[in-house]
Amino acid sequence: MPPVDRTGGTAPATSARRLMRACDRAALATAQRPDDTGSADNTAGWPYPSLVLVALDHDGSPLLLLSTLADHTRNLLTDGRVGLLFDGTAGLAQPLTGARLSVLGRAERSDDPAHRARYLRRHPDASFYAGFADFAIYRVTVERAHLVAGFGRIHWLSAAELDLPASAPALAAGEAELLDRLNGEGYGPWLVPSTDEDGTGQGESWSLTGVDPEGCDLRRGGYVARVDFEQRIHDPESARLMLDALIRPQDGTGPPRHATTGKGGA
């Protein structure tokens, strides 16, 4: 199922945040560190692109699980400036009409258990190697973003203009318990209805992997989905009320709103 392009008619900052939240992977650009081997073929300073899996913290900061054995990690330990490209063009017949977002920021290692837990809920398979000594979570502090929402729809956004949400301590503290309750009550399939034809998950059901001030994340096998809230919430109780409103529209009819699905980061 291709991702849905929902940037038309939406404020650039909202489109940018929704695109970041919907993606579970990004292209990471770091500055190649000086060659410490003595080789004459030195590439120091060149941009070095790589593919990374990404989760977002409640405040919208990208979270990465990186190994110190990887070149991109060794690069950012020398120069913490990074770029992340979030691609929302998958499945489009004309990809250049789709949305993509380049985020500029600075990456620093985080030993906050909440960051690790949130990342592993988004990427459960990463738990197989996340405990290795060379792996750690890195948090990216966003400084600027460049949104291309299609031909001629281009916007530079400062961190202030991007309007990332403030941290929500109550929601963060209650997130794990809330997810257990919601998944136990079968909210996932209600939020993202699946058909036999979509081919997602090989018989698995959608399950929630995260709830943040602006929406919730879901996974079904190799597919991810995002459900955006119409207004920001800050605690588990308001999150539950918002989700109830999404799966039970006031008039009793119509599908859940704001679902974006796709394989691998759509």
C-alpha atoms as a PDB file:
ATOM      1  CA  MET A   1       0.000   0.000   0.000  1.00  0.00           C
ATOM      2  CA  PRO A   2       1.695   3.276  -1.043  1.00  0.00           C
ATOM      3  CA  PRO A   3       1.962   6.172   1.380  1.00  0.00           C
ATOM      4  CA  VAL A   4      -0.606   8.920   1.264  1.00  0.00           C
ATOM      5  CA  ASP A   5       0.644  12.404   0.383  1.00  0.00           C
ATOM      6  CA  ARG A   6      -1.228  14.707   2.761  1.00  0.00           C
ATOM      7  CA  THR A   7       0.839  17.873   2.397  1.00  0.00           C
ATOM      8  CA  GLY A   8      -1.494  19.692   0.025  1.00  0.00           C
ATOM      9  CA  GLY A   9      -3.307  22.495   1.808  1.00  0.00           C
ATOM     10  CA  THR A  10      -1.499  21.856   5.083  1.00  0.00           C
ATOM     11  CA  ALA A  11       0.806  24.343   6.802  1.00  0.00           C
ATOM     12  CA  PRO A  12       4.461  23.582   5.932  1.00  0.00           C
ATOM     13  CA  ALA A  13       5.474  23.010   9.557  1.00  0.00           C
ATOM     14  CA  THR A  14       2.625  20.547  10.098  1.00  0.00           C
ATOM     15  CA  SER A  15       3.471  18.735   6.864  1.00  0.00           C
ATOM     16  CA  ALA A  16       7.119  18.536   7.884  1.00  0.00           C
ATOM     17  CA  ARG A  17       6.400  17.136  11.344  1.00  0.00           C
ATOM     18  CA  ARG A  18       3.907  14.605  10.006  1.00  0.00           C
ATOM     19  CA  LEU A  19       6.381  13.398   7.403  1.00  0.00           C
ATOM     20  CA  MET A  20       9.105  12.928  10.022  1.00  0.00           C
ATOM     21  CA  ARG A  21       6.744  11.032  12.302  1.00  0.00           C
ATOM     22  CA  ALA A  22       5.498   8.764   9.521  1.00  0.00           C
ATOM     23  CA  CYS A  23       8.941   7.527   8.461  1.00  0.00           C
ATOM     24  CA  ASP A  24      10.754   4.701  10.233  1.00  0.00           C
ATOM     25  CA  ARG A  25      14.001   5.213   8.283  1.00  0.00           C
ATOM     26  CA  ALA A  26      16.037   8.034   6.816  1.00  0.00           C
ATOM     27  CA  ALA A  27      19.205   8.769   4.894  1.00  0.00           C
ATOM     28  CA  LEU A  28      21.861  10.038   7.295  1.00  0.00           C
ATOM     29  CA  ALA A  29      24.572  12.401   6.073  1.00  0.00           C
ATOM     30  CA  THR A  30      27.725  12.940   8.137  1.00  0.00           C
ATOM     31  CA  ALA A  31      30.990  14.731   7.386  1.00  0.00           C
ATOM     32  CA  GLN A  32      33.731  12.219   6.641  1.00  0.00           C
ATOM     33  CA  ARG A  33      36.323  12.380   9.408  1.00  0.00           C
ATOM     34  CA  PRO A  34      40.049  12.796   8.701  1.00  0.00           C
ATOM     35  CA  ASP A  35      41.698   9.574   7.560  1.00  0.00           C
ATOM     36  CA  ASP A  36      43.710   8.122  10.423  1.00  0.00           C
ATOM     37  CA  THR A  37      45.387   5.442   8.302  1.00  0.00           C
ATOM     38  CA  GLY A  38      47.893   7.733   6.639  1.00  0.00           C
ATOM     39  CA  SER A  39      46.402   7.083   3.222  1.00  0.00           C
ATOM     40  CA  ALA A  40      47.048   9.720   0.563  1.00  0.00           C
ATOM     41  CA  ASP A  41      43.502   9.217  -0.699  1.00  0.00           C
ATOM     42  CA  ASN A  42      41.957  11.311   2.077  1.00  0.00           C
ATOM     43  CA  THR A  43      38.214  12.036   1.867  1.00  0.00           C
ATOM     44  CA  ALA A  44      37.987  14.217   4.989  1.00  0.00           C
ATOM     45  CA  GLY A  45      35.096  16.653   4.851  1.00  0.00           C
ATOM     46  CA  TRP A  46      33.202  14.851   2.123  1.00  0.00           C
ATOM     47  CA  PRO A  47      29.507  14.131   2.804  1.00  0.00           C
ATOM     48  CA  TYR A  48      29.014  10.486   3.747  1.00  0.00           C
ATOM     49  CA  PRO A  49      25.452   9.147   3.235  1.00  0.00           C
ATOM     50  CA  SER A  50      24.073   6.031   4.902  1.00  0.00           C
ATOM     51  CA  LEU A  51      20.735   4.413   5.704  1.00  0.00           C
ATOM     52  CA  VAL A  52      19.503   4.396   9.296  1.00  0.00           C
ATOM     53  CA  LEU A  53      16.363   3.358  11.131  1.00  0.00           C
ATOM     54  CA  VAL A  54      14.822   6.212  13.058  1.00  0.00           C
ATOM     55  CA  ALA A  55      12.300   6.814  15.809  1.00  0.00           C
ATOM     56  CA  LEU A  56      11.136  10.176  17.120  1.00  0.00           C
ATOM     57  CA  ASP A  57      10.986  11.228  20.739  1.00  0.00           C
ATOM     58  CA  HIS A  58       7.858  12.832  22.153  1.00  0.00           C
ATOM     59  CA  ASP A  59       9.330  16.259  21.414  1.00  0.00           C
ATOM     60  CA  GLY A  60      10.037  15.331  17.778  1.00  0.00           C
ATOM     61  CA  SER A  61      13.790  14.789  18.169  1.00  0.00           C
ATOM     62  CA  PRO A  62      15.037  11.973  15.909  1.00  0.00           C
ATOM     63  CA  LEU A  63      16.483   8.971  17.745  1.00  0.00           C
ATOM     64  CA  LEU A  64      19.069   6.693  16.116  1.00  0.00           C
ATOM     65  CA  LEU A  65      20.595   3.404  17.281  1.00  0.00           C
ATOM     66  CA  LEU A  66      24.184   3.427  16.031  1.00  0.00           C
ATOM     67  CA  SER A  67      27.296   1.309  16.396  1.00  0.00           C
ATOM     68  CA  THR A  68      30.697   2.850  17.039  1.00  0.00           C
ATOM     69  CA  LEU A  69      32.029   0.408  14.449  1.00  0.00           C
ATOM     70  CA  ALA A  70      30.072   2.214  11.725  1.00  0.00           C
ATOM     71  CA  ASP A  71      31.698   4.992   9.737  1.00  0.00           C
ATOM     72  CA  HIS A  72      28.755   7.342  10.232  1.00  0.00           C
ATOM     73  CA  THR A  73      29.057   7.046  14.016  1.00  0.00           C
ATOM     74  CA  ARG A  74      32.793   7.641  13.981  1.00  0.00           C
ATOM     75  CA  ASN A  75      32.140  10.651  11.763  1.00  0.00           C
ATOM     76  CA  LEU A  76      29.563  12.261  14.037  1.00  0.00           C
ATOM     77  CA  LEU A  77      31.730  11.656  17.099  1.00  0.00           C
ATOM     78  CA  THR A  78      34.260  13.906  15.371  1.00  0.00           C
ATOM     79  CA  ASP A  79      31.689  16.386  14.043  1.00  0.00           C
ATOM     80  CA  GLY A  80      28.195  16.157  15.511  1.00  0.00           C
ATOM     81  CA  ARG A  81      26.516  17.989  12.635  1.00  0.00           C
ATOM     82  CA  VAL A  82      24.233  15.643  10.699  1.00  0.00           C
ATOM     83  CA  GLY A  83      21.584  15.704   8.005  1.00  0.00           C
ATOM     84  CA  LEU A  84      18.581  13.394   7.794  1.00  0.00           C
ATOM     85  CA  LEU A  85      16.449  12.936   4.684  1.00  0.00           C
ATOM     86  CA  PHE A  86      12.898  11.735   5.322  1.00  0.00           C
ATOM     87  CA  ASP A  87      11.381  10.430   2.083  1.00  0.00           C
ATOM     88  CA  GLY A  88       7.625  10.404   1.563  1.00  0.00           C
ATOM     89  CA  THR A  89       7.679   9.669  -2.167  1.00  0.00           C
ATOM     90  CA  ALA A  90       7.519   5.858  -2.157  1.00  0.00           C
ATOM     91  CA  GLY A  91       4.828   4.388  -4.400  1.00  0.00           C
ATOM     92  CA  LEU A  92       4.221   7.592  -6.362  1.00  0.00           C
ATOM     93  CA  ALA A  93       4.212   7.362 -10.155  1.00  0.00           C
ATOM     94  CA  GLN A  94       5.996  10.731 -10.195  1.00  0.00           C
ATOM     95  CA  PRO A  95       8.199  10.753  -7.074  1.00  0.00           C
ATOM     96  CA  LEU A  96       9.270  14.373  -7.508  1.00  0.00           C
ATOM     97  CA  THR A  97       5.666  15.440  -6.861  1.00  0.00           C
ATOM     98  CA  GLY A  98       5.863  13.875  -3.405  1.00  0.00           C
ATOM     99  CA  ALA A  99       7.101  15.267  -0.120  1.00  0.00           C
ATOM    100  CA  ARG A 100      10.584  14.972   1.324  1.00  0.00           C
ATOM    101  CA  LEU A 101      12.220  16.682   4.260  1.00  0.00           C
ATOM    102  CA  SER A 102      15.892  17.398   4.938  1.00  0.00           C
ATOM    103  CA  VAL A 103      16.604  17.947   8.631  1.00  0.00           C
ATOM    104  CA  LEU A 104      19.810  19.578   9.880  1.00  0.00           C
ATOM    105  CA  GLY A 105      20.854  19.102  13.479  1.00  0.00           C
ATOM    106  CA  ARG A 106      23.458  17.901  15.926  1.00  0.00           C
ATOM    107  CA  ALA A 107      23.663  14.332  17.207  1.00  0.00           C
ATOM    108  CA  GLU A 108      24.710  13.414  20.722  1.00  0.00           C
ATOM    109  CA  ARG A 109      24.721  10.093  22.534  1.00  0.00           C
ATOM    110  CA  SER A 110      21.817   9.583  24.923  1.00  0.00           C
ATOM    111  CA  ASP A 111      21.859   7.145  27.818  1.00  0.00           C
ATOM    112  CA  ASP A 112      18.265   7.973  28.760  1.00  0.00           C
ATOM    113  CA  PRO A 113      16.436   4.629  29.158  1.00  0.00           C
ATOM    114  CA  ALA A 114      13.237   6.251  27.875  1.00  0.00           C
ATOM    115  CA  HIS A 115      14.907   7.033  24.534  1.00  0.00           C
ATOM    116  CA  ARG A 116      16.096   3.437  24.180  1.00  0.00           C
ATOM    117  CA  ALA A 117      12.675   2.056  25.113  1.00  0.00           C
ATOM    118  CA  ARG A 118      10.874   4.308  22.643  1.00  0.00           C
ATOM    119  CA  TYR A 119      13.287   3.362  19.855  1.00  0.00           C
ATOM    120  CA  LEU A 120      12.936  -0.379  20.504  1.00  0.00           C
ATOM    121  CA  ARG A 121       9.154  -0.181  20.543  1.00  0.00           C
ATOM    122  CA  ARG A 122       9.337   1.424  17.091  1.00  0.00           C
ATOM    123  CA  HIS A 123      11.915  -1.136  15.908  1.00  0.00           C
ATOM    124  CA  PRO A 124      11.416  -4.337  17.918  1.00  0.00           C
ATOM    125  CA  ASP A 125      13.831  -6.362  15.780  1.00  0.00           C
ATOM    126  CA  ALA A 126      16.650  -4.035  16.873  1.00  0.00           C
ATOM    127  CA  SER A 127      16.479  -5.614  20.329  1.00  0.00           C
ATOM    128  CA  PHE A 128      18.586  -8.492  18.964  1.00  0.00           C
ATOM    129  CA  TYR A 129      21.657  -6.248  18.722  1.00  0.00           C
ATOM    130  CA  ALA A 130      20.805  -3.162  20.784  1.00  0.00           C
ATOM    131  CA  GLY A 131      22.483  -4.712  23.828  1.00  0.00           C
ATOM    132  CA  PHE A 132      25.869  -5.084  22.149  1.00  0.00           C
ATOM    133  CA  ALA A 133      28.528  -2.916  23.791  1.00  0.00           C
ATOM    134  CA  ASP A 134      29.209  -0.894  20.640  1.00  0.00           C
ATOM    135  CA  PHE A 135      25.578   0.215  20.167  1.00  0.00           C
ATOM    136  CA  ALA A 136      24.028   3.319  21.704  1.00  0.00           C
ATOM    137  CA  ILE A 137      21.128   5.700  21.140  1.00  0.00           C
ATOM    138  CA  TYR A 138      21.903   9.088  19.613  1.00  0.00           C
ATOM    139  CA  ARG A 139      19.470  11.988  19.835  1.00  0.00           C
ATOM    140  CA  VAL A 140      19.425  14.649  17.127  1.00  0.00           C
ATOM    141  CA  THR A 141      18.661  18.214  18.170  1.00  0.00           C
ATOM    142  CA  VAL A 142      16.921  19.757  15.160  1.00  0.00           C
ATOM    143  CA  GLU A 143      18.188  23.186  14.075  1.00  0.00           C
ATOM    144  CA  ARG A 144      16.673  23.643  10.601  1.00  0.00           C
ATOM    145  CA  ALA A 145      14.544  21.751   8.105  1.00  0.00           C
ATOM    146  CA  HIS A 146      14.009  22.005   4.346  1.00  0.00           C
ATOM    147  CA  LEU A 147      10.642  20.787   3.092  1.00  0.00           C
ATOM    148  CA  VAL A 148       9.963  20.031  -0.565  1.00  0.00           C
ATOM    149  CA  ALA A 149       6.260  19.214  -0.764  1.00  0.00           C
ATOM    150  CA  GLY A 150       6.147  18.981  -4.563  1.00  0.00           C
ATOM    151  CA  PHE A 151       7.017  21.198  -7.506  1.00  0.00           C
ATOM    152  CA  GLY A 152       7.330  24.807  -6.361  1.00  0.00           C
ATOM    153  CA  ARG A 153       6.301  24.028  -2.779  1.00  0.00           C
ATOM    154  CA  ILE A 154       9.613  24.541  -1.006  1.00  0.00           C
ATOM    155  CA  HIS A 155      10.154  25.890   2.497  1.00  0.00           C
ATOM    156  CA  TRP A 156      13.106  26.434   4.837  1.00  0.00           C
ATOM    157  CA  LEU A 157      11.994  26.154   8.456  1.00  0.00           C
ATOM    158  CA  SER A 158      13.927  27.117  11.557  1.00  0.00           C
ATOM    159  CA  ALA A 159      13.586  24.983  14.666  1.00  0.00           C
ATOM    160  CA  ALA A 160      11.152  27.567  16.035  1.00  0.00           C
ATOM    161  CA  GLU A 161       9.113  27.612  12.817  1.00  0.00           C
ATOM    162  CA  LEU A 162       8.990  23.809  12.759  1.00  0.00           C
ATOM    163  CA  ASP A 163       7.073  24.098  16.041  1.00  0.00           C
ATOM    164  CA  LEU A 164       8.092  20.776  17.521  1.00  0.00           C
ATOM    165  CA  PRO A 165       6.008  19.909  20.595  1.00  0.00           C
ATOM    166  CA  ALA A 166       7.251  20.396  24.118  1.00  0.00           C
ATOM    167  CA  SER A 167       8.126  17.315  26.092  1.00  0.00           C
ATOM    168  CA  ALA A 168       5.165  15.607  27.760  1.00  0.00           C
ATOM    169  CA  PRO A 169       6.401  13.994  30.997  1.00  0.00           C
ATOM    170  CA  ALA A 170       3.039  12.523  31.972  1.00  0.00           C
ATOM    171  CA  LEU A 171       2.553  10.922  28.575  1.00  0.00           C
ATOM    172  CA  ALA A 172       6.111   9.602  28.502  1.00  0.00           C
ATOM    173  CA  ALA A 173       5.747   8.091  31.961  1.00  0.00           C
ATOM    174  CA  GLY A 174       2.473   6.369  31.102  1.00  0.00           C
ATOM    175  CA  GLU A 175       3.155   5.440  27.493  1.00  0.00           C
ATOM    176  CA  ALA A 176       4.191   1.801  27.999  1.00  0.00           C
ATOM    177  CA  GLU A 177       1.159   1.010  30.152  1.00  0.00           C
ATOM    178  CA  LEU A 178      -1.144   2.836  27.739  1.00  0.00           C
ATOM    179  CA  LEU A 179       0.191   0.869  24.777  1.00  0.00           C
ATOM    180  CA  ASP A 180      -0.303  -2.414  26.615  1.00  0.00           C
ATOM    181  CA  ARG A 181      -3.932  -1.504  27.300  1.00  0.00           C
ATOM    182  CA  LEU A 182      -4.653  -0.278  23.789  1.00  0.00           C
ATOM    183  CA  ASN A 183      -3.097  -3.300  22.132  1.00  0.00           C
ATOM    184  CA  GLY A 184      -4.826  -5.628  24.563  1.00  0.00           C
ATOM    185  CA  GLU A 185      -8.144  -4.058  23.574  1.00  0.00           C
ATOM    186  CA  GLY A 186      -7.394  -4.370  19.840  1.00  0.00           C
ATOM    187  CA  TYR A 187      -7.120  -0.687  18.909  1.00  0.00           C
ATOM    188  CA  GLY A 188      -4.572  -1.265  16.131  1.00  0.00           C
ATOM    189  CA  PRO A 189      -6.878  -2.883  13.543  1.00  0.00           C
ATOM    190  CA  TRP A 190      -9.539  -0.261  14.271  1.00  0.00           C
ATOM    191  CA  LEU A 191      -7.109   2.587  13.630  1.00  0.00           C
ATOM    192  CA  VAL A 192      -5.637   1.124  10.432  1.00  0.00           C
ATOM    193  CA  PRO A 193      -8.139  -1.250   8.797  1.00  0.00           C
ATOM    194  CA  SER A 194      -6.463  -3.818   6.535  1.00  0.00           C
ATOM    195  CA  THR A 195      -7.810  -5.794   3.631  1.00  0.00           C
ATOM    196  CA  ASP A 196      -6.781  -9.212   2.417  1.00  0.00           C
ATOM    197  CA  GLU A 197      -5.506  -7.570  -0.746  1.00  0.00           C
ATOM    198  CA  ASP A 198      -2.989  -5.190   0.827  1.00  0.00           C
ATOM    199  CA  GLY A 199      -0.481  -7.959   1.507  1.00  0.00           C
ATOM    200  CA  THR A 200       0.782  -6.445   4.755  1.00  0.00           C
ATOM    201  CA  GLY A 201       2.063  -8.477   7.627  1.00  0.00           C
ATOM    202  CA  GLN A 202       1.282 -11.989   6.377  1.00  0.00           C
ATOM    203  CA  GLY A 203      -1.704 -12.401   8.675  1.00  0.00           C
ATOM    204  CA  GLU A 204      -0.418 -10.239  11.524  1.00  0.00           C
ATOM    205  CA  SER A 205      -2.526  -7.482  13.057  1.00  0.00           C
ATOM    206  CA  TRP A 206      -1.609  -3.836  13.428  1.00  0.00           C
ATOM    207  CA  SER A 207      -0.269  -2.994  16.887  1.00  0.00           C
ATOM    208  CA  LEU A 208       0.545   0.372  18.419  1.00  0.00           C
ATOM    209  CA  THR A 209       4.239   1.010  19.062  1.00  0.00           C
ATOM    210  CA  GLY A 210       4.126   4.590  20.329  1.00  0.00           C
ATOM    211  CA  VAL A 211       1.889   7.477  21.348  1.00  0.00           C
ATOM    212  CA  ASP A 212       3.209  11.045  21.311  1.00  0.00           C
ATOM    213  CA  PRO A 213       1.636  14.506  21.587  1.00  0.00           C
ATOM    214  CA  GLU A 214       0.767  14.570  17.867  1.00  0.00           C
ATOM    215  CA  GLY A 215      -0.388  11.030  17.114  1.00  0.00           C
ATOM    216  CA  CYS A 216       0.450   7.359  17.321  1.00  0.00           C
ATOM    217  CA  ASP A 217       2.687   4.875  15.502  1.00  0.00           C
ATOM    218  CA  LEU A 218       1.715   1.355  14.464  1.00  0.00           C
ATOM    219  CA  ARG A 219       3.459  -1.648  12.941  1.00  0.00           C
ATOM    220  CA  ARG A 220       2.308  -4.757  11.122  1.00  0.00           C
ATOM    221  CA  GLY A 221       5.235  -6.969  10.138  1.00  0.00           C
ATOM    222  CA  GLY A 222       7.430  -4.925   7.809  1.00  0.00           C
ATOM    223  CA  TYR A 223       4.829  -2.187   7.435  1.00  0.00           C
ATOM    224  CA  VAL A 224       4.383   0.937   9.532  1.00  0.00           C
ATOM    225  CA  ALA A 225       1.496   3.357   9.881  1.00  0.00           C
ATOM    226  CA  ARG A 226       0.943   6.734  11.428  1.00  0.00           C
ATOM    227  CA  VAL A 227      -2.286   8.216  12.790  1.00  0.00           C
ATOM    228  CA  ASP A 228      -2.121  11.988  13.323  1.00  0.00           C
ATOM    229  CA  PHE A 229      -4.177  13.719  15.993  1.00  0.00           C
ATOM    230  CA  GLU A 230      -6.140  16.859  15.177  1.00  0.00           C
ATOM    231  CA  GLN A 231      -4.755  18.580  18.267  1.00  0.00           C
ATOM    232  CA  ARG A 232      -1.872  17.955  20.632  1.00  0.00           C
ATOM    233  CA  ILE A 233      -2.305  15.898  23.771  1.00  0.00           C
ATOM    234  CA  HIS A 234      -0.062  15.691  26.835  1.00  0.00           C
ATOM    235  CA  ASP A 235      -1.118  12.750  29.001  1.00  0.00           C
ATOM    236  CA  PRO A 236      -2.410   9.174  28.662  1.00  0.00           C
ATOM    237  CA  GLU A 237      -5.987  10.114  29.479  1.00  0.00           C
ATOM    238  CA  SER A 238      -6.264  12.686  26.689  1.00  0.00           C
ATOM    239  CA  ALA A 239      -4.527  10.272  24.309  1.00  0.00           C
ATOM    240  CA  ARG A 240      -7.136   7.625  25.072  1.00  0.00           C
ATOM    241  CA  LEU A 241      -9.963  10.099  24.489  1.00  0.00           C
ATOM    242  CA  MET A 242      -8.450  11.178  21.176  1.00  0.00           C
ATOM    243  CA  LEU A 243      -8.075   7.581  19.992  1.00  0.00           C
ATOM    244  CA  ASP A 244     -11.625   6.760  21.050  1.00  0.00           C
ATOM    245  CA  ALA A 245     -12.848   9.676  18.949  1.00  0.00           C
ATOM    246  CA  LEU A 246     -10.884   8.407  15.951  1.00  0.00           C
ATOM    247  CA  ILE A 247     -12.277   4.895  16.015  1.00  0.00           C
ATOM    248  CA  ARG A 248     -15.786   5.916  17.056  1.00  0.00           C
ATOM    249  CA  PRO A 249     -16.774   8.980  15.007  1.00  0.00           C
ATOM    250  CA  GLN A 250     -19.540  11.036  16.591  1.00  0.00           C
ATOM    251  CA  ASP A 251     -22.050  10.183  13.861  1.00  0.00           C
ATOM    252  CA  GLY A 252     -21.195   6.484  14.075  1.00  0.00           C
ATOM    253  CA  THR A 253     -20.135   6.246  10.442  1.00  0.00           C
ATOM    254  CA  GLY A 254     -16.992   6.643   8.380  1.00  0.00           C
ATOM    255  CA  PRO A 255     -13.480   5.216   8.624  1.00  0.00           C
ATOM    256  CA  PRO A 256     -10.791   6.310  11.083  1.00  0.00           C
ATOM    257  CA  ARG A 257      -9.091   9.529  10.006  1.00  0.00           C
ATOM    258  CA  HIS A 258      -5.507  10.514   9.187  1.00  0.00           C
ATOM    259  CA  ALA A 259      -4.014   7.035   8.633  1.00  0.00           C
ATOM    260  CA  THR A 260      -0.781   6.919   6.617  1.00  0.00           C
ATOM    261  CA  THR A 261       0.597   3.489   5.814  1.00  0.00           C
ATOM    262  CA  GLY A 262       3.485   2.101   3.863  1.00  0.00           C
ATOM    263  CA  LYS A 263       6.259  -0.444   3.825  1.00  0.00           C
ATOM    264  CA  GLY A 264       9.473   0.562   5.504  1.00  0.00           C
ATOM    265  CA  GLY A 265       9.035   4.165   6.405  1.00  0.00           C
ATOM    266  CA  ALA A 266       6.105   5.365   4.376  1.00  0.00           C
END
